[in-house]
Amino acid sequence: MGTMIVSKITSKAQTTIPQAVRKALGLRAGDSLTYVIEDGRVILMRSEAASADDPFAAFTEWAGEADSRAYAGF
């Protein structure tokens, strides 16, 4: 197991991302995070920014092949 870092959750369900984690992920103010839940664990990753040229990039439920064909000209 790697390095273990602990942070607390406030009454509003907020937490501060520890400096070591921010540094490891290259996080800066305004960055987005992705949470993956697997087998009772959460994996925290830096999200890749959606392309401004693709207005549908944020809608992953439209990522199927049929939708790609239907919206190919947009």
C-alpha atoms as a PDB file:
ATOM      1  CA  MET A   1       0.000   0.000   0.000  1.00  0.00           C
ATOM      2  CA  GLY A   2       1.250   3.504  -0.799  1.00  0.00           C
ATOM      3  CA  THR A   3       1.377   6.599   1.385  1.00  0.00           C
ATOM      4  CA  MET A   4      -1.708   7.127   3.550  1.00  0.00           C
ATOM      5  CA  ILE A   5      -2.933  10.708   4.038  1.00  0.00           C
ATOM      6  CA  VAL A   6      -5.914  11.628   6.229  1.00  0.00           C
ATOM      7  CA  SER A   7      -8.230  14.636   6.006  1.00  0.00           C
ATOM      8  CA  LYS A   8     -11.440  15.491   7.846  1.00  0.00           C
ATOM      9  CA  ILE A   9     -14.901  16.138   6.446  1.00  0.00           C
ATOM     10  CA  THR A  10     -16.786  19.213   7.678  1.00  0.00           C
ATOM     11  CA  SER A  11     -20.455  19.281   8.684  1.00  0.00           C
ATOM     12  CA  LYS A  12     -21.159  20.441   5.108  1.00  0.00           C
ATOM     13  CA  ALA A  13     -19.419  17.350   3.654  1.00  0.00           C
ATOM     14  CA  GLN A  14     -16.412  19.387   2.489  1.00  0.00           C
ATOM     15  CA  THR A  15     -12.750  18.563   2.838  1.00  0.00           C
ATOM     16  CA  THR A  16      -9.428  20.127   1.926  1.00  0.00           C
ATOM     17  CA  ILE A  17      -7.344  18.158  -0.531  1.00  0.00           C
ATOM     18  CA  PRO A  18      -3.966  17.776   1.188  1.00  0.00           C
ATOM     19  CA  GLN A  19      -0.985  19.503  -0.417  1.00  0.00           C
ATOM     20  CA  ALA A  20       0.790  16.207  -1.114  1.00  0.00           C
ATOM     21  CA  VAL A  21      -2.256  14.975  -3.076  1.00  0.00           C
ATOM     22  CA  ARG A  22      -2.598  18.258  -4.989  1.00  0.00           C
ATOM     23  CA  LYS A  23       1.080  18.081  -5.895  1.00  0.00           C
ATOM     24  CA  ALA A  24       0.942  14.407  -6.917  1.00  0.00           C
ATOM     25  CA  LEU A  25      -2.030  15.061  -9.230  1.00  0.00           C
ATOM     26  CA  GLY A  26      -0.822  18.456 -10.447  1.00  0.00           C
ATOM     27  CA  LEU A  27      -4.026  20.121  -9.220  1.00  0.00           C
ATOM     28  CA  ARG A  28      -4.652  23.850  -9.299  1.00  0.00           C
ATOM     29  CA  ALA A  29      -7.636  26.043  -8.446  1.00  0.00           C
ATOM     30  CA  GLY A  30     -10.486  25.399 -10.882  1.00  0.00           C
ATOM     31  CA  ASP A  31      -9.393  21.873 -11.833  1.00  0.00           C
ATOM     32  CA  SER A  32     -11.995  19.098 -11.840  1.00  0.00           C
ATOM     33  CA  LEU A  33     -11.725  15.739 -10.091  1.00  0.00           C
ATOM     34  CA  THR A  34     -13.015  12.308 -11.029  1.00  0.00           C
ATOM     35  CA  TYR A  35     -13.992   9.733  -8.399  1.00  0.00           C
ATOM     36  CA  VAL A  36     -14.072   6.034  -9.284  1.00  0.00           C
ATOM     37  CA  ILE A  37     -15.702   3.717  -6.744  1.00  0.00           C
ATOM     38  CA  GLU A  38     -14.425   0.118  -6.827  1.00  0.00           C
ATOM     39  CA  ASP A  39     -14.753  -2.626  -4.229  1.00  0.00           C
ATOM     40  CA  GLY A  40     -15.315  -0.284  -1.279  1.00  0.00           C
ATOM     41  CA  ARG A  41     -12.471   2.058  -2.302  1.00  0.00           C
ATOM     42  CA  VAL A  42     -12.443   5.391  -4.074  1.00  0.00           C
ATOM     43  CA  ILE A  43      -9.841   6.339  -6.645  1.00  0.00           C
ATOM     44  CA  LEU A  44      -9.344  10.100  -7.003  1.00  0.00           C
ATOM     45  CA  MET A  45      -8.011  11.366 -10.326  1.00  0.00           C
ATOM     46  CA  ARG A  46      -7.566  14.688 -12.034  1.00  0.00           C
ATOM     47  CA  SER A  47     -10.213  15.070 -14.745  1.00  0.00           C
ATOM     48  CA  GLU A  48      -9.193  15.911 -18.243  1.00  0.00           C
ATOM     49  CA  ALA A  49     -10.784  19.141 -19.445  1.00  0.00           C
ATOM     50  CA  ALA A  50     -13.527  18.698 -22.031  1.00  0.00           C
ATOM     51  CA  SER A  51     -12.736  20.223 -25.374  1.00  0.00           C
ATOM     52  CA  ALA A  52     -14.443  23.552 -25.994  1.00  0.00           C
ATOM     53  CA  ASP A  53     -14.893  22.372 -29.593  1.00  0.00           C
ATOM     54  CA  ASP A  54     -17.103  19.473 -28.519  1.00  0.00           C
ATOM     55  CA  PRO A  55     -20.251  20.665 -26.712  1.00  0.00           C
ATOM     56  CA  PHE A  56     -21.317  17.046 -26.130  1.00  0.00           C
ATOM     57  CA  ALA A  57     -18.065  15.975 -24.416  1.00  0.00           C
ATOM     58  CA  ALA A  58     -19.528  16.512 -20.948  1.00  0.00           C
ATOM     59  CA  PHE A  59     -22.485  14.203 -21.656  1.00  0.00           C
ATOM     60  CA  THR A  60     -20.951  10.757 -21.331  1.00  0.00           C
ATOM     61  CA  GLU A  61     -24.359   9.096 -21.559  1.00  0.00           C
ATOM     62  CA  TRP A  62     -24.282  10.147 -25.243  1.00  0.00           C
ATOM     63  CA  ALA A  63     -21.028   8.342 -25.879  1.00  0.00           C
ATOM     64  CA  GLY A  64     -22.568   5.356 -27.657  1.00  0.00           C
ATOM     65  CA  GLU A  65     -21.911   4.482 -31.282  1.00  0.00           C
ATOM     66  CA  ALA A  66     -25.516   5.228 -32.353  1.00  0.00           C
ATOM     67  CA  ASP A  67     -25.341   8.707 -30.807  1.00  0.00           C
ATOM     68  CA  SER A  68     -21.948   9.344 -32.397  1.00  0.00           C
ATOM     69  CA  ARG A  69     -23.446   8.538 -35.825  1.00  0.00           C
ATOM     70  CA  ALA A  70     -26.568  10.607 -35.149  1.00  0.00           C
ATOM     71  CA  TYR A  71     -24.623  13.700 -34.086  1.00  0.00           C
ATOM     72  CA  ALA A  72     -21.645  13.292 -36.437  1.00  0.00           C
ATOM     73  CA  GLY A  73     -22.447  16.441 -38.417  1.00  0.00           C
ATOM     74  CA  PHE A  74     -22.700  18.742 -35.406  1.00  0.00           C
END
